[in-house]
Each structure stands twice: as C-alpha cells, then as structure tokens.
C-alpha atoms as a PDB file:
ATOM      1  CA  MET A   1       1.106   8.123   6.240  1.00  0.00           C
ATOM      2  CA  LYS A   2       4.704   8.083   5.022  1.00  0.00           C
ATOM      3  CA  ILE A   3       6.287   4.839   3.883  1.00  0.00           C
ATOM      4  CA  ARG A   4       9.811   4.642   2.542  1.00  0.00           C
ATOM      5  CA  VAL A   5      10.711   1.699   0.311  1.00  0.00           C
ATOM      6  CA  LYS A   6      14.161   0.678  -0.893  1.00  0.00           C
ATOM      7  CA  ALA A   7      13.162  -0.322  -4.420  1.00  0.00           C
ATOM      8  CA  PRO A   8      13.948   2.243  -7.111  1.00  0.00           C
ATOM      9  CA  PRO A   9      11.049   4.037  -8.795  1.00  0.00           C
ATOM     10  CA  VAL A  10      11.834   2.315 -12.097  1.00  0.00           C
ATOM     11  CA  GLY A  11       9.483  -0.040 -13.890  1.00  0.00           C
ATOM     12  CA  GLY A  12       6.996   0.002 -11.040  1.00  0.00           C
ATOM     13  CA  ALA A  13       9.398  -1.697  -8.597  1.00  0.00           C
ATOM     14  CA  ALA A  14       8.706   0.801  -5.806  1.00  0.00           C
ATOM     15  CA  ASN A  15       4.937   0.440  -6.286  1.00  0.00           C
ATOM     16  CA  ASP A  16       5.250  -3.364  -6.150  1.00  0.00           C
ATOM     17  CA  GLU A  17       7.279  -3.164  -2.951  1.00  0.00           C
ATOM     18  CA  LEU A  18       4.706  -0.795  -1.430  1.00  0.00           C
ATOM     19  CA  VAL A  19       1.893  -3.224  -2.237  1.00  0.00           C
ATOM     20  CA  ARG A  20       3.870  -6.117  -0.689  1.00  0.00           C
ATOM     21  CA  PHE A  21       4.540  -4.062   2.444  1.00  0.00           C
ATOM     22  CA  LEU A  22       0.896  -3.014   2.847  1.00  0.00           C
ATOM     23  CA  ALA A  23      -0.385  -6.544   2.236  1.00  0.00           C
ATOM     24  CA  LYS A  24       1.910  -7.867   4.949  1.00  0.00           C
ATOM     25  CA  HIS A  25       1.076  -5.051   7.387  1.00  0.00           C
ATOM     26  CA  PHE A  26      -2.677  -5.457   6.963  1.00  0.00           C
ATOM     27  CA  ALA A  27      -2.504  -9.272   6.638  1.00  0.00           C
ATOM     28  CA  VAL A  28      -4.376  -9.348   3.347  1.00  0.00           C
ATOM     29  CA  PRO A  29      -3.445 -10.857  -0.027  1.00  0.00           C
ATOM     30  CA  ARG A  30      -1.579  -8.567  -2.420  1.00  0.00           C
ATOM     31  CA  SER A  31      -4.540  -8.781  -4.776  1.00  0.00           C
ATOM     32  CA  SER A  32      -6.592  -6.912  -2.136  1.00  0.00           C
ATOM     33  CA  ILE A  33      -4.384  -3.825  -2.443  1.00  0.00           C
ATOM     34  CA  GLU A  34      -5.151  -1.527  -5.354  1.00  0.00           C
ATOM     35  CA  LEU A  35      -3.159   1.532  -6.353  1.00  0.00           C
ATOM     36  CA  VAL A  36      -5.938   3.960  -7.265  1.00  0.00           C
ATOM     37  CA  SER A  37      -3.786   6.918  -8.300  1.00  0.00           C
ATOM     38  CA  GLY A  38      -0.229   8.171  -8.163  1.00  0.00           C
ATOM     39  CA  ALA A  39       1.589   5.291  -9.854  1.00  0.00           C
ATOM     40  CA  GLY A  40       4.243   7.722 -11.086  1.00  0.00           C
ATOM     41  CA  SER A  41       4.107  10.068  -8.123  1.00  0.00           C
ATOM     42  CA  ARG A  42       5.442  10.133  -4.575  1.00  0.00           C
ATOM     43  CA  GLN A  43       1.882  10.622  -3.314  1.00  0.00           C
ATOM     44  CA  LYS A  44      -0.388   7.633  -3.870  1.00  0.00           C
ATOM     45  CA  ARG A  45      -3.959   6.648  -3.130  1.00  0.00           C
ATOM     46  CA  ILE A  46      -4.734   3.032  -2.419  1.00  0.00           C
ATOM     47  CA  THR A  47      -7.728   0.907  -1.531  1.00  0.00           C
ATOM     48  CA  ILE A  48      -7.678  -2.218   0.571  1.00  0.00           C
ATOM     49  CA  GLN A  49     -10.453  -4.697  -0.182  1.00  0.00           C
ATOM     50  CA  GLY A  50     -11.874  -6.712   2.702  1.00  0.00           C
ATOM     51  CA  LEU A  51     -11.168  -4.189   5.470  1.00  0.00           C
ATOM     52  CA  SER A  52     -13.390  -1.448   6.812  1.00  0.00           C
ATOM     53  CA  SER A  53     -12.017   2.043   7.319  1.00  0.00           C
ATOM     54  CA  ASP A  54     -12.118   1.436  11.102  1.00  0.00           C
ATOM     55  CA  GLU A  55      -9.999  -1.713  10.724  1.00  0.00           C
ATOM     56  CA  ILE A  56      -7.494   0.171   8.592  1.00  0.00           C
ATOM     57  CA  VAL A  57      -7.197   2.994  11.118  1.00  0.00           C
ATOM     58  CA  ARG A  58      -6.723   0.493  13.981  1.00  0.00           C
ATOM     59  CA  ALA A  59      -3.989  -1.326  12.053  1.00  0.00           C
ATOM     60  CA  LEU A  60      -2.224   1.955  11.323  1.00  0.00           C
ATOM     61  CA  LEU A  61      -2.257   2.914  14.990  1.00  0.00           C
ATOM     62  CA  ASP A  62      -0.841  -0.434  16.148  1.00  0.00           C
END
C-alpha cells in the first residue's frame, strides 16, 4: 500500500503523521499502531493491535 504524507521526514514528523492517518482510517487509537521497522526508510512495516488480518484487508479494500 502506498501512502503519501505531507509532513517532512525530519524528526519523525512523517512517521507521526502516518500513524495518525492509519489510526483514523482503521478507527483505532494511535497507541494501537506500532511502527515495526523502517522508521528512517520510505518502506515501513507496521502492526495494528486489536484488528485481525481479515479486518485490516477489508478496511483497505473499502
């Protein structure tokens, strides 16, 4: 999935904006989104606590 954020990649601002976006999209608290790897990279891996993989896929397709 590609997501473009407006925040600059300085001081973690882009990562913070990504977490806010994902939390809103999946209707979960920001604390449920964890950046697993790629904090300094364009490619990131995240986990979303409280949702099954099926629920995540459905939300992405909506």
